[in-house]
N, C-alpha and C. Protein backbone atom coordinates (compact mmCIF):
# COMPACT_ATOMS: atom_id res chain seq x y z
N MET A 1 1.65 -51.85 -31.67
CA MET A 1 0.64 -51.41 -30.75
C MET A 1 1.28 -50.95 -29.44
N LYS A 2 2.26 -51.72 -28.94
CA LYS A 2 2.93 -51.33 -27.71
C LYS A 2 3.71 -50.03 -27.87
N LEU A 3 4.34 -49.83 -29.01
CA LEU A 3 5.10 -48.60 -29.26
C LEU A 3 4.20 -47.38 -29.21
N LYS A 4 3.03 -47.48 -29.79
CA LYS A 4 2.07 -46.39 -29.79
C LYS A 4 1.63 -46.07 -28.35
N TYR A 5 1.41 -47.09 -27.54
CA TYR A 5 1.01 -46.93 -26.16
C TYR A 5 2.13 -46.27 -25.35
N VAL A 6 3.38 -46.67 -25.57
CA VAL A 6 4.53 -46.11 -24.85
C VAL A 6 4.71 -44.65 -25.22
N ILE A 7 4.62 -44.32 -26.50
CA ILE A 7 4.79 -42.93 -26.95
C ILE A 7 3.67 -42.06 -26.36
N GLY A 8 2.46 -42.57 -26.35
CA GLY A 8 1.33 -41.82 -25.77
C GLY A 8 1.52 -41.60 -24.29
N SER A 9 1.99 -42.60 -23.58
CA SER A 9 2.22 -42.48 -22.13
C SER A 9 3.32 -41.47 -21.83
N VAL A 10 4.41 -41.53 -22.61
CA VAL A 10 5.52 -40.59 -22.42
C VAL A 10 5.05 -39.16 -22.71
N ALA A 11 4.28 -38.96 -23.76
CA ALA A 11 3.78 -37.62 -24.11
C ALA A 11 2.85 -37.10 -23.00
N GLU A 12 2.00 -37.99 -22.50
CA GLU A 12 1.09 -37.59 -21.42
C GLU A 12 1.87 -37.21 -20.16
N LEU A 13 2.88 -37.97 -19.83
CA LEU A 13 3.72 -37.69 -18.67
C LEU A 13 4.45 -36.35 -18.84
N MET A 14 4.96 -36.08 -20.02
CA MET A 14 5.66 -34.81 -20.28
C MET A 14 4.70 -33.63 -20.12
N ILE A 15 3.49 -33.76 -20.62
CA ILE A 15 2.50 -32.69 -20.50
C ILE A 15 2.18 -32.44 -19.02
N LYS A 16 2.03 -33.51 -18.25
CA LYS A 16 1.74 -33.35 -16.83
C LYS A 16 2.90 -32.69 -16.09
N ILE A 17 4.12 -33.05 -16.45
CA ILE A 17 5.30 -32.45 -15.81
C ILE A 17 5.38 -30.96 -16.14
N VAL A 18 5.18 -30.60 -17.41
CA VAL A 18 5.23 -29.19 -17.82
C VAL A 18 4.12 -28.40 -17.12
N ALA A 19 2.92 -28.97 -17.04
CA ALA A 19 1.81 -28.30 -16.37
C ALA A 19 2.13 -28.11 -14.89
N ALA A 20 2.70 -29.12 -14.25
CA ALA A 20 3.05 -29.01 -12.83
C ALA A 20 4.11 -27.93 -12.61
N VAL A 21 5.09 -27.87 -13.49
CA VAL A 21 6.14 -26.84 -13.37
C VAL A 21 5.52 -25.45 -13.50
N PHE A 22 4.63 -25.26 -14.46
CA PHE A 22 3.99 -23.95 -14.62
C PHE A 22 3.14 -23.59 -13.41
N ILE A 23 2.43 -24.56 -12.85
CA ILE A 23 1.61 -24.30 -11.67
C ILE A 23 2.49 -23.92 -10.48
N VAL A 24 3.57 -24.64 -10.27
CA VAL A 24 4.48 -24.33 -9.16
C VAL A 24 5.10 -22.94 -9.35
N MET A 25 5.50 -22.62 -10.57
CA MET A 25 6.08 -21.29 -10.83
C MET A 25 5.05 -20.20 -10.58
N PHE A 26 3.81 -20.39 -11.02
CA PHE A 26 2.76 -19.40 -10.83
C PHE A 26 2.47 -19.20 -9.35
N VAL A 27 2.31 -20.29 -8.61
CA VAL A 27 2.02 -20.20 -7.18
C VAL A 27 3.18 -19.52 -6.43
N THR A 28 4.41 -19.87 -6.79
CA THR A 28 5.57 -19.27 -6.14
C THR A 28 5.64 -17.77 -6.42
N LYS A 29 5.45 -17.39 -7.66
CA LYS A 29 5.51 -15.98 -8.02
C LYS A 29 4.38 -15.19 -7.35
N THR A 30 3.18 -15.74 -7.35
CA THR A 30 2.04 -15.07 -6.73
C THR A 30 2.21 -14.96 -5.22
N ALA A 31 2.67 -16.04 -4.59
CA ALA A 31 2.87 -16.02 -3.14
C ALA A 31 3.95 -15.01 -2.75
N THR A 32 5.01 -14.94 -3.52
CA THR A 32 6.09 -13.99 -3.24
C THR A 32 5.58 -12.55 -3.37
N ALA A 33 4.82 -12.28 -4.42
CA ALA A 33 4.26 -10.94 -4.61
C ALA A 33 3.30 -10.58 -3.47
N ALA A 34 2.47 -11.53 -3.06
CA ALA A 34 1.53 -11.28 -1.97
C ALA A 34 2.27 -11.03 -0.66
N TYR A 35 3.31 -11.80 -0.40
CA TYR A 35 4.10 -11.60 0.82
C TYR A 35 4.76 -10.22 0.81
N ASP A 36 5.37 -9.85 -0.31
CA ASP A 36 6.04 -8.55 -0.40
C ASP A 36 5.05 -7.42 -0.16
N TYR A 37 3.86 -7.52 -0.76
CA TYR A 37 2.85 -6.47 -0.59
C TYR A 37 2.38 -6.42 0.86
N GLY A 38 2.15 -7.58 1.44
CA GLY A 38 1.73 -7.63 2.84
C GLY A 38 2.80 -7.09 3.78
N PHE A 39 4.05 -7.39 3.49
CA PHE A 39 5.16 -6.86 4.30
C PHE A 39 5.20 -5.34 4.21
N ARG A 40 4.97 -4.81 3.01
CA ARG A 40 5.01 -3.36 2.82
C ARG A 40 3.91 -2.65 3.59
N VAL A 41 2.78 -3.34 3.85
CA VAL A 41 1.70 -2.71 4.60
C VAL A 41 2.21 -2.24 5.97
N PHE A 42 3.07 -3.05 6.58
CA PHE A 42 3.54 -2.73 7.93
C PHE A 42 4.95 -2.16 7.98
N ALA A 43 5.71 -2.26 6.90
CA ALA A 43 7.11 -1.83 6.95
C ALA A 43 7.52 -1.00 5.73
N GLU A 44 6.60 -0.25 5.16
CA GLU A 44 6.91 0.57 3.99
C GLU A 44 7.89 1.67 4.37
N GLU A 45 8.93 1.80 3.60
CA GLU A 45 9.95 2.83 3.83
C GLU A 45 9.46 4.16 3.23
N PRO A 46 9.97 5.29 3.74
CA PRO A 46 9.64 6.58 3.12
C PRO A 46 10.14 6.64 1.68
N VAL A 47 9.58 7.55 0.91
CA VAL A 47 9.97 7.71 -0.49
C VAL A 47 11.42 8.14 -0.59
N GLU A 48 11.85 9.04 0.30
CA GLU A 48 13.22 9.54 0.30
C GLU A 48 13.80 9.45 1.71
N SER A 49 15.11 9.40 1.77
CA SER A 49 15.77 9.49 3.07
C SER A 49 16.62 10.75 3.08
N GLY A 50 17.08 11.14 4.23
CA GLY A 50 17.88 12.37 4.31
C GLY A 50 16.99 13.57 4.51
N ALA A 51 17.29 14.65 3.78
CA ALA A 51 16.56 15.90 3.94
C ALA A 51 15.14 15.81 3.40
N GLY A 52 14.96 15.24 2.22
CA GLY A 52 13.64 15.11 1.63
C GLY A 52 13.06 16.43 1.20
N ARG A 53 11.82 16.38 0.76
CA ARG A 53 11.10 17.58 0.32
C ARG A 53 9.83 17.71 1.14
N THR A 54 9.44 18.92 1.47
CA THR A 54 8.19 19.18 2.16
C THR A 54 7.18 19.66 1.14
N ILE A 55 6.02 19.02 1.13
CA ILE A 55 4.97 19.33 0.15
C ILE A 55 3.69 19.62 0.90
N SER A 56 3.01 20.71 0.54
CA SER A 56 1.73 21.05 1.15
C SER A 56 0.62 20.33 0.40
N VAL A 57 -0.28 19.74 1.16
CA VAL A 57 -1.43 19.05 0.57
C VAL A 57 -2.69 19.57 1.22
N SER A 58 -3.75 19.63 0.44
CA SER A 58 -5.04 20.09 0.92
C SER A 58 -6.01 18.92 0.88
N ILE A 59 -6.61 18.63 2.02
CA ILE A 59 -7.56 17.52 2.11
C ILE A 59 -8.93 18.11 2.38
N GLY A 60 -9.88 17.74 1.54
CA GLY A 60 -11.25 18.22 1.69
C GLY A 60 -12.03 17.39 2.69
N GLY A 61 -13.17 17.92 3.10
CA GLY A 61 -13.99 17.24 4.09
C GLY A 61 -14.62 15.95 3.58
N THR A 62 -14.76 15.83 2.28
CA THR A 62 -15.42 14.63 1.73
C THR A 62 -14.41 13.66 1.10
N ASP A 63 -13.12 13.95 1.21
CA ASP A 63 -12.11 13.08 0.61
C ASP A 63 -12.02 11.76 1.36
N SER A 64 -12.06 10.66 0.62
CA SER A 64 -11.92 9.34 1.22
C SER A 64 -10.43 8.99 1.34
N ALA A 65 -10.14 7.89 2.03
CA ALA A 65 -8.75 7.44 2.16
C ALA A 65 -8.18 7.12 0.78
N LYS A 66 -9.01 6.59 -0.10
CA LYS A 66 -8.56 6.27 -1.46
C LYS A 66 -8.17 7.55 -2.20
N GLU A 67 -9.00 8.58 -2.10
CA GLU A 67 -8.70 9.85 -2.78
C GLU A 67 -7.46 10.52 -2.19
N VAL A 68 -7.33 10.46 -0.87
CA VAL A 68 -6.14 11.03 -0.22
C VAL A 68 -4.90 10.28 -0.68
N GLY A 69 -4.98 8.95 -0.73
CA GLY A 69 -3.85 8.14 -1.19
C GLY A 69 -3.46 8.47 -2.62
N GLU A 70 -4.45 8.62 -3.48
CA GLU A 70 -4.16 8.97 -4.89
C GLU A 70 -3.48 10.33 -4.98
N MET A 71 -3.95 11.29 -4.17
CA MET A 71 -3.34 12.62 -4.18
C MET A 71 -1.90 12.56 -3.67
N LEU A 72 -1.68 11.81 -2.59
CA LEU A 72 -0.32 11.69 -2.04
C LEU A 72 0.61 11.01 -3.04
N GLN A 73 0.10 10.04 -3.78
CA GLN A 73 0.92 9.37 -4.79
C GLN A 73 1.24 10.32 -5.94
N GLU A 74 0.27 11.10 -6.38
CA GLU A 74 0.50 12.07 -7.46
C GLU A 74 1.56 13.09 -7.06
N LYS A 75 1.57 13.49 -5.79
CA LYS A 75 2.54 14.49 -5.31
C LYS A 75 3.89 13.88 -4.96
N GLY A 76 4.00 12.55 -5.05
CA GLY A 76 5.28 11.89 -4.80
C GLY A 76 5.59 11.64 -3.34
N LEU A 77 4.57 11.67 -2.48
CA LEU A 77 4.78 11.44 -1.06
C LEU A 77 4.74 9.95 -0.70
N ILE A 78 4.02 9.17 -1.50
CA ILE A 78 3.95 7.71 -1.30
C ILE A 78 4.11 7.03 -2.65
N ARG A 79 4.39 5.73 -2.61
CA ARG A 79 4.59 4.97 -3.85
C ARG A 79 3.32 4.34 -4.39
N ASP A 80 2.38 3.97 -3.50
CA ASP A 80 1.24 3.16 -3.90
C ASP A 80 -0.02 3.60 -3.15
N ALA A 81 -0.99 4.15 -3.90
CA ALA A 81 -2.22 4.64 -3.28
C ALA A 81 -3.04 3.50 -2.68
N ASN A 82 -3.06 2.35 -3.33
CA ASN A 82 -3.82 1.22 -2.80
C ASN A 82 -3.21 0.72 -1.49
N LEU A 83 -1.89 0.72 -1.42
CA LEU A 83 -1.21 0.32 -0.19
C LEU A 83 -1.55 1.30 0.93
N PHE A 84 -1.59 2.59 0.62
CA PHE A 84 -1.95 3.61 1.62
C PHE A 84 -3.36 3.36 2.14
N ARG A 85 -4.26 3.00 1.25
CA ARG A 85 -5.64 2.72 1.64
C ARG A 85 -5.71 1.55 2.63
N ILE A 86 -4.94 0.51 2.38
CA ILE A 86 -4.90 -0.64 3.29
C ILE A 86 -4.27 -0.23 4.62
N GLN A 87 -3.19 0.57 4.55
CA GLN A 87 -2.53 1.02 5.78
C GLN A 87 -3.48 1.86 6.62
N GLU A 88 -4.27 2.71 5.97
CA GLU A 88 -5.23 3.53 6.69
C GLU A 88 -6.30 2.65 7.32
N LEU A 89 -6.75 1.65 6.59
CA LEU A 89 -7.77 0.73 7.09
C LEU A 89 -7.30 -0.01 8.34
N LEU A 90 -6.03 -0.38 8.39
CA LEU A 90 -5.49 -1.14 9.50
C LEU A 90 -4.91 -0.27 10.62
N SER A 91 -4.83 1.03 10.41
CA SER A 91 -4.18 1.89 11.41
C SER A 91 -5.16 2.29 12.51
N GLU A 92 -4.60 2.82 13.58
CA GLU A 92 -5.43 3.33 14.68
C GLU A 92 -6.13 4.62 14.27
N ASN A 93 -5.73 5.20 13.15
CA ASN A 93 -6.33 6.44 12.66
C ASN A 93 -7.38 6.18 11.58
N HIS A 94 -7.89 4.96 11.52
CA HIS A 94 -8.89 4.61 10.50
C HIS A 94 -10.13 5.50 10.65
N GLY A 95 -10.49 6.15 9.56
CA GLY A 95 -11.68 6.99 9.54
C GLY A 95 -11.52 8.33 10.22
N LYS A 96 -10.31 8.70 10.59
CA LYS A 96 -10.08 9.94 11.34
C LYS A 96 -9.41 11.03 10.52
N ILE A 97 -9.31 10.86 9.20
CA ILE A 97 -8.65 11.88 8.37
C ILE A 97 -9.45 13.18 8.44
N GLN A 98 -8.76 14.26 8.78
CA GLN A 98 -9.39 15.56 8.97
C GLN A 98 -9.12 16.47 7.78
N PRO A 99 -10.10 17.27 7.37
CA PRO A 99 -9.85 18.23 6.29
C PRO A 99 -8.88 19.31 6.76
N GLY A 100 -8.13 19.84 5.81
CA GLY A 100 -7.20 20.91 6.14
C GLY A 100 -6.02 20.92 5.18
N ILE A 101 -5.09 21.81 5.46
CA ILE A 101 -3.86 21.92 4.66
C ILE A 101 -2.72 21.44 5.55
N TYR A 102 -1.96 20.49 5.03
CA TYR A 102 -0.89 19.87 5.81
C TYR A 102 0.42 19.94 5.06
N ASP A 103 1.51 20.11 5.80
CA ASP A 103 2.85 20.03 5.23
C ASP A 103 3.40 18.64 5.54
N LEU A 104 3.57 17.84 4.49
CA LEU A 104 4.07 16.48 4.64
C LEU A 104 5.41 16.37 3.93
N SER A 105 6.25 15.49 4.42
CA SER A 105 7.59 15.33 3.87
C SER A 105 7.75 13.99 3.18
N THR A 106 8.61 13.94 2.19
CA THR A 106 8.90 12.67 1.51
C THR A 106 9.72 11.74 2.39
N THR A 107 10.17 12.22 3.54
CA THR A 107 10.91 11.36 4.48
C THR A 107 9.97 10.73 5.51
N MET A 108 8.69 11.01 5.42
CA MET A 108 7.71 10.45 6.35
C MET A 108 7.16 9.14 5.81
N THR A 109 6.88 8.21 6.73
CA THR A 109 6.20 6.98 6.32
C THR A 109 4.70 7.27 6.23
N ALA A 110 3.97 6.35 5.64
CA ALA A 110 2.52 6.52 5.53
C ALA A 110 1.88 6.61 6.91
N GLN A 111 2.39 5.84 7.87
CA GLN A 111 1.85 5.88 9.23
C GLN A 111 2.07 7.26 9.86
N GLU A 112 3.23 7.85 9.61
CA GLU A 112 3.50 9.19 10.14
C GLU A 112 2.60 10.23 9.48
N MET A 113 2.37 10.08 8.18
CA MET A 113 1.45 11.00 7.48
C MET A 113 0.04 10.85 8.03
N LEU A 114 -0.39 9.62 8.24
CA LEU A 114 -1.73 9.40 8.81
C LEU A 114 -1.85 10.03 10.19
N ALA A 115 -0.81 9.94 10.99
CA ALA A 115 -0.84 10.54 12.33
C ALA A 115 -0.99 12.06 12.23
N VAL A 116 -0.37 12.67 11.22
CA VAL A 116 -0.46 14.12 11.07
C VAL A 116 -1.84 14.53 10.56
N ILE A 117 -2.36 13.84 9.56
CA ILE A 117 -3.64 14.27 8.96
C ILE A 117 -4.86 13.78 9.75
N ALA A 118 -4.66 12.99 10.78
CA ALA A 118 -5.78 12.50 11.58
C ALA A 118 -5.94 13.25 12.89
N VAL A 119 -5.09 14.23 13.12
CA VAL A 119 -5.18 15.00 14.36
C VAL A 119 -6.34 15.97 14.25
N GLU A 120 -7.23 15.89 15.23
CA GLU A 120 -8.37 16.80 15.22
C GLU A 120 -7.90 18.18 15.67
N PRO A 121 -8.32 19.22 14.93
CA PRO A 121 -7.90 20.56 15.34
C PRO A 121 -8.53 20.92 16.69
N GLU A 122 -7.78 21.71 17.45
CA GLU A 122 -8.31 22.15 18.74
C GLU A 122 -9.47 23.10 18.51
N SER A 123 -10.49 22.97 19.31
CA SER A 123 -11.65 23.87 19.16
C SER A 123 -11.29 25.22 19.74
N GLU A 124 -12.07 26.25 19.34
CA GLU A 124 -11.81 27.60 19.82
C GLU A 124 -12.03 27.71 21.32
N GLU A 125 -12.99 26.93 21.87
CA GLU A 125 -13.24 26.99 23.30
C GLU A 125 -12.02 26.52 24.10
N GLU A 126 -11.35 25.45 23.62
CA GLU A 126 -10.18 24.95 24.32
C GLU A 126 -9.06 25.98 24.28
N GLU A 127 -8.92 26.70 23.15
CA GLU A 127 -7.88 27.70 23.02
C GLU A 127 -8.13 28.87 23.97
N GLU A 128 -9.42 29.25 24.13
CA GLU A 128 -9.75 30.38 24.99
C GLU A 128 -9.51 30.04 26.46
N THR A 129 -9.80 28.79 26.87
CA THR A 129 -9.59 28.42 28.25
C THR A 129 -8.12 28.29 28.61
N GLU A 130 -7.28 28.05 27.62
CA GLU A 130 -5.85 27.93 27.86
C GLU A 130 -5.22 29.29 28.12
N GLU A 131 -5.82 30.35 27.59
CA GLU A 131 -5.23 31.70 27.72
C GLU A 131 -5.45 32.30 29.03
């Protein structure tokens, strides 16, 4: 009777240890991935360094930040459209994306791209008064 109780206790202890190890591994892996993604929101590097490539993109008047991010990812200007969406949400240019055709480079960060595509075009009246 005692042997059966000891074997059961040892088996129960082993199961608890294995479960604890899996939980710790899962939490560690998830926390590391979350930290890396969060770090990239504020410190994402450009796709290329050096000369890079310049790519023209066309943004429509009804395009959302998500759609712009997907287009930039398809063209190879950014790595992650969802990350771009979060960066746009947290940037000073949130909600300021302007329609138009823009020349963007693979050496630009997402923040630099947002600064370019969020610039409001000068109105014709301002141009006339400058002349």
